[in-house]
Amino acid sequence: MTDGTGYAETNDHDLLARHVKGDPDAFGELVRRHRDRLWAVALRTLGDREEAADAVQDALVSAYRAAHSFRGQSAVTTWLHRITVNACLDRARKAASRKTAPVDDTERLEQLLEPHESASAPAERNDLHRQLVEALSTLPPDQRAALVLVDMQGYPVAEAARILDVPTGTVKSRCARGRARLLPLLTHLRPDSGGESEPGAERNRTQGTPVPPTAGPSDSTAVKGGGGRA
């Protein structure tokens, strides 16, 4: 794999095309550009370092093999994130039957902290992060994935919908239902709330994501067929 300097002026679409044509380093450059965000999404969605690593590896192998089928109807990064999220959801669903309790292992939760925060961030911030991750782990995988993309990674709802391959209304519903389920678990972290909206609410209002005080509508609005994930 190169260090990327030879591809500085090459966009993602062209890199993928060059990979399909046989360039041995083009796909490696795509991985270099996007692996950090793919890893962050996988780790926060699955809550387990080994599972996340396996999911990202599975996703990149799938993308490598399926590159010839890419038609350019979305951004390459959207396509990569969709494959990665689907790999995460597949693993989360398989693990659900084996999981008997929310994540409560302190050492495991520490793995979810950003590398630059794990040693230097104030203890209060680390404790807050751990509690947020623990609460997030109680959500169904589909709601968790939507909240990770929108509230933690900062994707607009429309982009998250493209990544998840569902309608925007489904993303809004999953986010609303997820936030409603998280709110009772996180109320103690907001002693000075004074009726303010929960963290991320203001930003998501600008993205069109409702933040209701109670559970949102059913997830049954998900697209049927077509390979979409409801």
C-alpha atoms as a PDB file:
ATOM      1  CA  MET A   1       0.000   0.000   0.000  1.00  0.00           C
ATOM      2  CA  THR A   2       1.262   3.486  -0.818  1.00  0.00           C
ATOM      3  CA  ASP A   3       1.263   6.441   1.553  1.00  0.00           C
ATOM      4  CA  GLY A   4      -1.356   8.191  -0.565  1.00  0.00           C
ATOM      5  CA  THR A   5       0.941  10.885  -1.964  1.00  0.00           C
ATOM      6  CA  GLY A   6       0.619   9.475  -5.460  1.00  0.00           C
ATOM      7  CA  TYR A   7      -3.170   9.777  -5.344  1.00  0.00           C
ATOM      8  CA  ALA A   8      -3.502  13.265  -3.892  1.00  0.00           C
ATOM      9  CA  GLU A   9      -5.462  14.537  -6.890  1.00  0.00           C
ATOM     10  CA  THR A  10      -7.486  11.362  -7.456  1.00  0.00           C
ATOM     11  CA  ASN A  11     -11.062  11.332  -6.172  1.00  0.00           C
ATOM     12  CA  ASP A  12     -12.742   8.322  -4.604  1.00  0.00           C
ATOM     13  CA  HIS A  13     -14.748   7.383  -7.698  1.00  0.00           C
ATOM     14  CA  ASP A  14     -11.624   7.343  -9.842  1.00  0.00           C
ATOM     15  CA  LEU A  15      -9.737   5.339  -7.240  1.00  0.00           C
ATOM     16  CA  LEU A  16     -12.438   2.681  -7.245  1.00  0.00           C
ATOM     17  CA  ALA A  17     -12.422   2.634 -11.047  1.00  0.00           C
ATOM     18  CA  ARG A  18      -8.652   2.246 -11.061  1.00  0.00           C
ATOM     19  CA  HIS A  19      -8.959  -0.623  -8.608  1.00  0.00           C
ATOM     20  CA  VAL A  20     -11.450  -2.369 -10.900  1.00  0.00           C
ATOM     21  CA  LYS A  21      -9.035  -1.924 -13.794  1.00  0.00           C
ATOM     22  CA  GLY A  22      -6.247  -3.578 -11.847  1.00  0.00           C
ATOM     23  CA  ASP A  23      -4.375  -0.820 -10.025  1.00  0.00           C
ATOM     24  CA  PRO A  24      -2.887  -2.752  -7.069  1.00  0.00           C
ATOM     25  CA  ASP A  25      -2.710   0.269  -4.749  1.00  0.00           C
ATOM     26  CA  ALA A  26      -5.924   2.158  -5.492  1.00  0.00           C
ATOM     27  CA  PHE A  27      -8.144   0.268  -3.053  1.00  0.00           C
ATOM     28  CA  GLY A  28      -5.527   0.568  -0.339  1.00  0.00           C
ATOM     29  CA  GLU A  29      -5.693   4.342  -0.738  1.00  0.00           C
ATOM     30  CA  LEU A  30      -9.474   4.229  -0.316  1.00  0.00           C
ATOM     31  CA  VAL A  31      -9.000   2.264   2.885  1.00  0.00           C
ATOM     32  CA  ARG A  32      -6.411   4.757   4.116  1.00  0.00           C
ATOM     33  CA  ARG A  33      -8.795   7.658   3.515  1.00  0.00           C
ATOM     34  CA  HIS A  34     -11.874   6.188   5.153  1.00  0.00           C
ATOM     35  CA  ARG A  35     -10.780   3.519   7.643  1.00  0.00           C
ATOM     36  CA  ASP A  36     -10.882   5.808  10.689  1.00  0.00           C
ATOM     37  CA  ARG A  37     -14.555   6.691  10.261  1.00  0.00           C
ATOM     38  CA  LEU A  38     -15.462   3.135   9.302  1.00  0.00           C
ATOM     39  CA  TRP A  39     -13.725   1.919  12.444  1.00  0.00           C
ATOM     40  CA  ALA A  40     -15.441   4.524  14.627  1.00  0.00           C
ATOM     41  CA  VAL A  41     -18.873   3.542  13.312  1.00  0.00           C
ATOM     42  CA  ALA A  42     -18.182  -0.173  13.764  1.00  0.00           C
ATOM     43  CA  LEU A  43     -16.780   0.207  17.284  1.00  0.00           C
ATOM     44  CA  ARG A  44     -19.612   2.399  18.506  1.00  0.00           C
ATOM     45  CA  THR A  45     -22.246   0.221  16.872  1.00  0.00           C
ATOM     46  CA  LEU A  46     -20.934  -3.078  18.193  1.00  0.00           C
ATOM     47  CA  GLY A  47     -19.280  -1.969  21.444  1.00  0.00           C
ATOM     48  CA  ASP A  48     -16.582  -4.603  21.128  1.00  0.00           C
ATOM     49  CA  ARG A  49     -13.132  -4.084  19.641  1.00  0.00           C
ATOM     50  CA  GLU A  50     -12.699  -7.581  18.214  1.00  0.00           C
ATOM     51  CA  GLU A  51     -16.193  -7.678  16.749  1.00  0.00           C
ATOM     52  CA  ALA A  52     -15.702  -4.229  15.233  1.00  0.00           C
ATOM     53  CA  ALA A  53     -12.368  -5.205  13.714  1.00  0.00           C
ATOM     54  CA  ASP A  54     -13.907  -8.327  12.206  1.00  0.00           C
ATOM     55  CA  ALA A  55     -16.875  -6.353  10.872  1.00  0.00           C
ATOM     56  CA  VAL A  56     -14.632  -3.770   9.204  1.00  0.00           C
ATOM     57  CA  GLN A  57     -12.488  -6.517   7.727  1.00  0.00           C
ATOM     58  CA  ASP A  58     -15.566  -8.322   6.404  1.00  0.00           C
ATOM     59  CA  ALA A  59     -16.869  -5.064   4.950  1.00  0.00           C
ATOM     60  CA  LEU A  60     -13.616  -4.172   3.212  1.00  0.00           C
ATOM     61  CA  VAL A  61     -13.280  -7.645   1.734  1.00  0.00           C
ATOM     62  CA  SER A  62     -16.861  -7.371   0.461  1.00  0.00           C
ATOM     63  CA  ALA A  63     -16.192  -3.917  -0.978  1.00  0.00           C
ATOM     64  CA  TYR A  64     -12.966  -5.110  -2.619  1.00  0.00           C
ATOM     65  CA  ARG A  65     -14.789  -7.949  -4.316  1.00  0.00           C
ATOM     66  CA  ALA A  66     -17.915  -5.974  -5.221  1.00  0.00           C
ATOM     67  CA  ALA A  67     -16.165  -2.866  -6.561  1.00  0.00           C
ATOM     68  CA  HIS A  68     -17.074  -3.792 -10.136  1.00  0.00           C
ATOM     69  CA  SER A  69     -20.770  -3.541  -9.227  1.00  0.00           C
ATOM     70  CA  PHE A  70     -20.520   0.048  -7.972  1.00  0.00           C
ATOM     71  CA  ARG A  71     -22.601   2.252 -10.280  1.00  0.00           C
ATOM     72  CA  GLY A  72     -21.791   5.672  -8.872  1.00  0.00           C
ATOM     73  CA  GLN A  73     -25.325   6.379  -7.679  1.00  0.00           C
ATOM     74  CA  SER A  74     -23.953   7.440  -4.300  1.00  0.00           C
ATOM     75  CA  ALA A  75     -20.649   8.663  -2.947  1.00  0.00           C
ATOM     76  CA  VAL A  76     -17.999   5.987  -2.495  1.00  0.00           C
ATOM     77  CA  THR A  77     -17.824   6.804   1.204  1.00  0.00           C
ATOM     78  CA  THR A  78     -21.588   6.245   1.500  1.00  0.00           C
ATOM     79  CA  TRP A  79     -21.202   2.903  -0.239  1.00  0.00           C
ATOM     80  CA  LEU A  80     -18.354   1.871   2.088  1.00  0.00           C
ATOM     81  CA  HIS A  81     -20.283   2.950   5.188  1.00  0.00           C
ATOM     82  CA  ARG A  82     -23.370   1.041   4.049  1.00  0.00           C
ATOM     83  CA  ILE A  83     -21.374  -2.152   3.647  1.00  0.00           C
ATOM     84  CA  THR A  84     -19.712  -1.606   7.030  1.00  0.00           C
ATOM     85  CA  VAL A  85     -22.964  -0.871   8.873  1.00  0.00           C
ATOM     86  CA  ASN A  86     -24.605  -3.917   7.310  1.00  0.00           C
ATOM     87  CA  ALA A  87     -21.670  -6.063   8.439  1.00  0.00           C
ATOM     88  CA  CYS A  88     -22.050  -4.618  11.955  1.00  0.00           C
ATOM     89  CA  LEU A  89     -25.793  -5.229  12.054  1.00  0.00           C
ATOM     90  CA  ASP A  90     -25.324  -8.802  10.883  1.00  0.00           C
ATOM     91  CA  ARG A  91     -22.883  -9.401  13.727  1.00  0.00           C
ATOM     92  CA  ALA A  92     -25.062  -7.588  16.270  1.00  0.00           C
ATOM     93  CA  ARG A  93     -28.099  -9.665  15.377  1.00  0.00           C
ATOM     94  CA  LYS A  94     -26.129 -12.898  15.633  1.00  0.00           C
ATOM     95  CA  ALA A  95     -24.755 -11.825  19.002  1.00  0.00           C
ATOM     96  CA  ALA A  96     -28.152 -10.746  20.357  1.00  0.00           C
ATOM     97  CA  SER A  97     -29.183 -14.297  21.202  1.00  0.00           C
ATOM     98  CA  ARG A  98     -25.980 -14.784  23.191  1.00  0.00           C
ATOM     99  CA  LYS A  99     -26.100 -11.460  25.004  1.00  0.00           C
ATOM    100  CA  THR A 100     -27.742 -11.684  28.431  1.00  0.00           C
ATOM    101  CA  ALA A 101     -27.028  -8.191  29.768  1.00  0.00           C
ATOM    102  CA  PRO A 102     -25.964  -4.705  28.628  1.00  0.00           C
ATOM    103  CA  VAL A 103     -22.271  -3.981  28.384  1.00  0.00           C
ATOM    104  CA  ASP A 104     -21.006  -3.506  31.924  1.00  0.00           C
ATOM    105  CA  ASP A 105     -17.331  -4.417  31.738  1.00  0.00           C
ATOM    106  CA  THR A 106     -15.322  -1.291  32.558  1.00  0.00           C
ATOM    107  CA  GLU A 107     -12.267  -2.464  30.650  1.00  0.00           C
ATOM    108  CA  ARG A 108     -14.390  -3.210  27.600  1.00  0.00           C
ATOM    109  CA  LEU A 109     -16.087   0.168  27.788  1.00  0.00           C
ATOM    110  CA  GLU A 110     -12.699   1.865  27.960  1.00  0.00           C
ATOM    111  CA  GLN A 111     -11.985   0.451  24.516  1.00  0.00           C
ATOM    112  CA  LEU A 112     -14.755   2.636  23.105  1.00  0.00           C
ATOM    113  CA  LEU A 113     -13.059   5.874  24.107  1.00  0.00           C
ATOM    114  CA  GLU A 114     -11.311   7.708  21.316  1.00  0.00           C
ATOM    115  CA  PRO A 115      -7.565   6.936  21.380  1.00  0.00           C
ATOM    116  CA  HIS A 116      -6.663  10.575  21.989  1.00  0.00           C
ATOM    117  CA  GLU A 117      -9.068  10.742  24.942  1.00  0.00           C
ATOM    118  CA  SER A 118      -8.346   7.492  26.755  1.00  0.00           C
ATOM    119  CA  ALA A 119      -5.315   8.754  28.657  1.00  0.00           C
ATOM    120  CA  SER A 120      -5.553  12.526  28.664  1.00  0.00           C
ATOM    121  CA  ALA A 121      -9.233  13.442  28.957  1.00  0.00           C
ATOM    122  CA  PRO A 122     -10.606  14.520  32.359  1.00  0.00           C
ATOM    123  CA  ALA A 123     -11.988  11.688  34.465  1.00  0.00           C
ATOM    124  CA  GLU A 124     -15.436  13.256  34.373  1.00  0.00           C
ATOM    125  CA  ARG A 125     -15.530  13.145  30.601  1.00  0.00           C
ATOM    126  CA  ASN A 126     -14.404   9.522  30.520  1.00  0.00           C
ATOM    127  CA  ASP A 127     -17.085   8.608  33.047  1.00  0.00           C
ATOM    128  CA  LEU A 128     -19.737  10.400  31.014  1.00  0.00           C
ATOM    129  CA  HIS A 129     -18.592   8.656  27.853  1.00  0.00           C
ATOM    130  CA  ARG A 130     -18.740   5.267  29.552  1.00  0.00           C
ATOM    131  CA  GLN A 131     -22.268   5.888  30.775  1.00  0.00           C
ATOM    132  CA  LEU A 132     -23.383   7.037  27.338  1.00  0.00           C
ATOM    133  CA  VAL A 133     -21.904   3.956  25.687  1.00  0.00           C
ATOM    134  CA  GLU A 134     -23.444   1.668  28.296  1.00  0.00           C
ATOM    135  CA  ALA A 135     -26.861   3.220  27.705  1.00  0.00           C
ATOM    136  CA  LEU A 136     -26.390   3.015  23.937  1.00  0.00           C
ATOM    137  CA  SER A 137     -25.636  -0.694  24.217  1.00  0.00           C
ATOM    138  CA  THR A 138     -29.165  -1.331  25.536  1.00  0.00           C
ATOM    139  CA  LEU A 139     -30.760  -0.287  22.242  1.00  0.00           C
ATOM    140  CA  PRO A 140     -31.709  -2.646  19.422  1.00  0.00           C
ATOM    141  CA  PRO A 141     -28.942  -2.738  16.784  1.00  0.00           C
ATOM    142  CA  ASP A 142     -30.924  -0.821  14.155  1.00  0.00           C
ATOM    143  CA  GLN A 143     -31.682   2.080  16.513  1.00  0.00           C
ATOM    144  CA  ARG A 144     -28.102   2.030  17.761  1.00  0.00           C
ATOM    145  CA  ALA A 145     -26.703   2.243  14.226  1.00  0.00           C
ATOM    146  CA  ALA A 146     -28.944   5.196  13.366  1.00  0.00           C
ATOM    147  CA  LEU A 147     -27.960   7.107  16.500  1.00  0.00           C
ATOM    148  CA  VAL A 148     -24.266   6.372  15.987  1.00  0.00           C
ATOM    149  CA  LEU A 149     -24.408   7.797  12.468  1.00  0.00           C
ATOM    150  CA  VAL A 150     -26.573  10.847  13.227  1.00  0.00           C
ATOM    151  CA  ASP A 151     -25.750  11.816  16.814  1.00  0.00           C
ATOM    152  CA  MET A 152     -22.209  10.508  17.251  1.00  0.00           C
ATOM    153  CA  GLN A 153     -20.728  10.719  13.749  1.00  0.00           C
ATOM    154  CA  GLY A 154     -22.675  13.824  12.726  1.00  0.00           C
ATOM    155  CA  TYR A 155     -24.151  12.552   9.473  1.00  0.00           C
ATOM    156  CA  PRO A 156     -27.242  14.366   8.163  1.00  0.00           C
ATOM    157  CA  VAL A 157     -30.366  12.225   8.280  1.00  0.00           C
ATOM    158  CA  ALA A 158     -30.489  11.949   4.486  1.00  0.00           C
ATOM    159  CA  GLU A 159     -26.921  10.660   4.328  1.00  0.00           C
ATOM    160  CA  ALA A 160     -27.543   8.209   7.175  1.00  0.00           C
ATOM    161  CA  ALA A 161     -30.578   6.946   5.260  1.00  0.00           C
ATOM    162  CA  ARG A 162     -28.423   6.313   2.203  1.00  0.00           C
ATOM    163  CA  ILE A 163     -25.850   4.476   4.307  1.00  0.00           C
ATOM    164  CA  LEU A 164     -28.495   2.329   6.005  1.00  0.00           C
ATOM    165  CA  ASP A 165     -30.410   1.916   2.729  1.00  0.00           C
ATOM    166  CA  VAL A 166     -33.741   2.866   4.291  1.00  0.00           C
ATOM    167  CA  PRO A 167     -36.072   5.880   3.898  1.00  0.00           C
ATOM    168  CA  THR A 168     -35.260   9.050   5.814  1.00  0.00           C
ATOM    169  CA  GLY A 169     -38.458   8.560   7.801  1.00  0.00           C
ATOM    170  CA  THR A 170     -37.125   5.256   9.092  1.00  0.00           C
ATOM    171  CA  VAL A 171     -33.903   6.894  10.269  1.00  0.00           C
ATOM    172  CA  LYS A 172     -35.908   9.625  12.008  1.00  0.00           C
ATOM    173  CA  SER A 173     -38.118   7.012  13.638  1.00  0.00           C
ATOM    174  CA  ARG A 174     -35.182   4.933  14.836  1.00  0.00           C
ATOM    175  CA  CYS A 175     -33.389   7.999  16.185  1.00  0.00           C
ATOM    176  CA  ALA A 176     -36.527   9.245  17.936  1.00  0.00           C
ATOM    177  CA  ARG A 177     -37.269   5.860  19.470  1.00  0.00           C
ATOM    178  CA  GLY A 178     -33.658   5.414  20.475  1.00  0.00           C
ATOM    179  CA  ARG A 179     -33.455   8.839  22.109  1.00  0.00           C
ATOM    180  CA  ALA A 180     -36.732   8.215  23.928  1.00  0.00           C
ATOM    181  CA  ARG A 181     -35.345   4.965  25.331  1.00  0.00           C
ATOM    182  CA  LEU A 182     -32.029   6.569  26.279  1.00  0.00           C
ATOM    183  CA  LEU A 183     -33.472   9.639  27.961  1.00  0.00           C
ATOM    184  CA  PRO A 184     -34.594   7.918  31.198  1.00  0.00           C
ATOM    185  CA  LEU A 185     -31.161   6.283  31.463  1.00  0.00           C
ATOM    186  CA  LEU A 186     -29.296   9.580  31.037  1.00  0.00           C
ATOM    187  CA  THR A 187     -31.489  12.039  32.940  1.00  0.00           C
ATOM    188  CA  HIS A 188     -29.177  11.892  35.956  1.00  0.00           C
ATOM    189  CA  LEU A 189     -26.356  13.228  33.786  1.00  0.00           C
ATOM    190  CA  ARG A 190     -28.264  16.478  33.183  1.00  0.00           C
ATOM    191  CA  PRO A 191     -28.938  17.990  36.629  1.00  0.00           C
ATOM    192  CA  ASP A 192     -29.072  21.533  35.228  1.00  0.00           C
ATOM    193  CA  SER A 193     -31.217  20.724  32.220  1.00  0.00           C
ATOM    194  CA  GLY A 194     -34.029  23.072  33.226  1.00  0.00           C
ATOM    195  CA  GLY A 195     -36.224  21.728  30.464  1.00  0.00           C
ATOM    196  CA  GLU A 196     -33.597  21.999  27.758  1.00  0.00           C
ATOM    197  CA  SER A 197     -33.614  19.471  24.966  1.00  0.00           C
ATOM    198  CA  GLU A 198     -31.275  16.503  25.188  1.00  0.00           C
ATOM    199  CA  PRO A 199     -27.732  16.706  23.777  1.00  0.00           C
ATOM    200  CA  GLY A 200     -27.731  16.860  19.997  1.00  0.00           C
ATOM    201  CA  ALA A 201     -31.343  17.961  19.761  1.00  0.00           C
ATOM    202  CA  GLU A 202     -30.609  21.453  18.455  1.00  0.00           C
ATOM    203  CA  ARG A 203     -28.279  20.160  15.775  1.00  0.00           C
ATOM    204  CA  ASN A 204     -30.690  17.464  14.701  1.00  0.00           C
ATOM    205  CA  ARG A 205     -33.564  19.906  14.459  1.00  0.00           C
ATOM    206  CA  THR A 206     -31.552  21.591  11.748  1.00  0.00           C
ATOM    207  CA  GLN A 207     -31.217  18.213  10.057  1.00  0.00           C
ATOM    208  CA  GLY A 208     -34.916  17.477  10.287  1.00  0.00           C
ATOM    209  CA  THR A 209     -34.728  14.787  12.983  1.00  0.00           C
ATOM    210  CA  PRO A 210     -37.519  15.081  15.578  1.00  0.00           C
ATOM    211  CA  VAL A 211     -36.636  14.608  19.233  1.00  0.00           C
ATOM    212  CA  PRO A 212     -39.972  13.740  20.865  1.00  0.00           C
ATOM    213  CA  PRO A 213     -40.554  13.461  24.601  1.00  0.00           C
ATOM    214  CA  THR A 214     -41.981   9.985  24.136  1.00  0.00           C
ATOM    215  CA  ALA A 215     -41.294   7.041  21.867  1.00  0.00           C
ATOM    216  CA  GLY A 216     -41.580   7.766  18.183  1.00  0.00           C
ATOM    217  CA  PRO A 217     -43.594   5.935  15.537  1.00  0.00           C
ATOM    218  CA  SER A 218     -43.077   2.310  14.654  1.00  0.00           C
ATOM    219  CA  ASP A 219     -40.062   1.213  12.646  1.00  0.00           C
ATOM    220  CA  SER A 220     -42.466  -0.471  10.257  1.00  0.00           C
ATOM    221  CA  THR A 221     -41.944   2.402   7.790  1.00  0.00           C
ATOM    222  CA  ALA A 222     -38.769   0.712   6.562  1.00  0.00           C
ATOM    223  CA  VAL A 223     -38.593   0.025   2.852  1.00  0.00           C
ATOM    224  CA  LYS A 224     -39.719  -3.434   1.824  1.00  0.00           C
ATOM    225  CA  GLY A 225     -37.575  -5.598  -0.391  1.00  0.00           C
ATOM    226  CA  GLY A 226     -34.765  -4.301  -2.545  1.00  0.00           C
ATOM    227  CA  GLY A 227     -32.121  -5.478  -0.091  1.00  0.00           C
ATOM    228  CA  GLY A 228     -32.849  -2.585   2.279  1.00  0.00           C
ATOM    229  CA  ARG A 229     -32.424  -3.122   6.010  1.00  0.00           C
ATOM    230  CA  ALA A 230     -35.411  -2.166   8.111  1.00  0.00           C
END
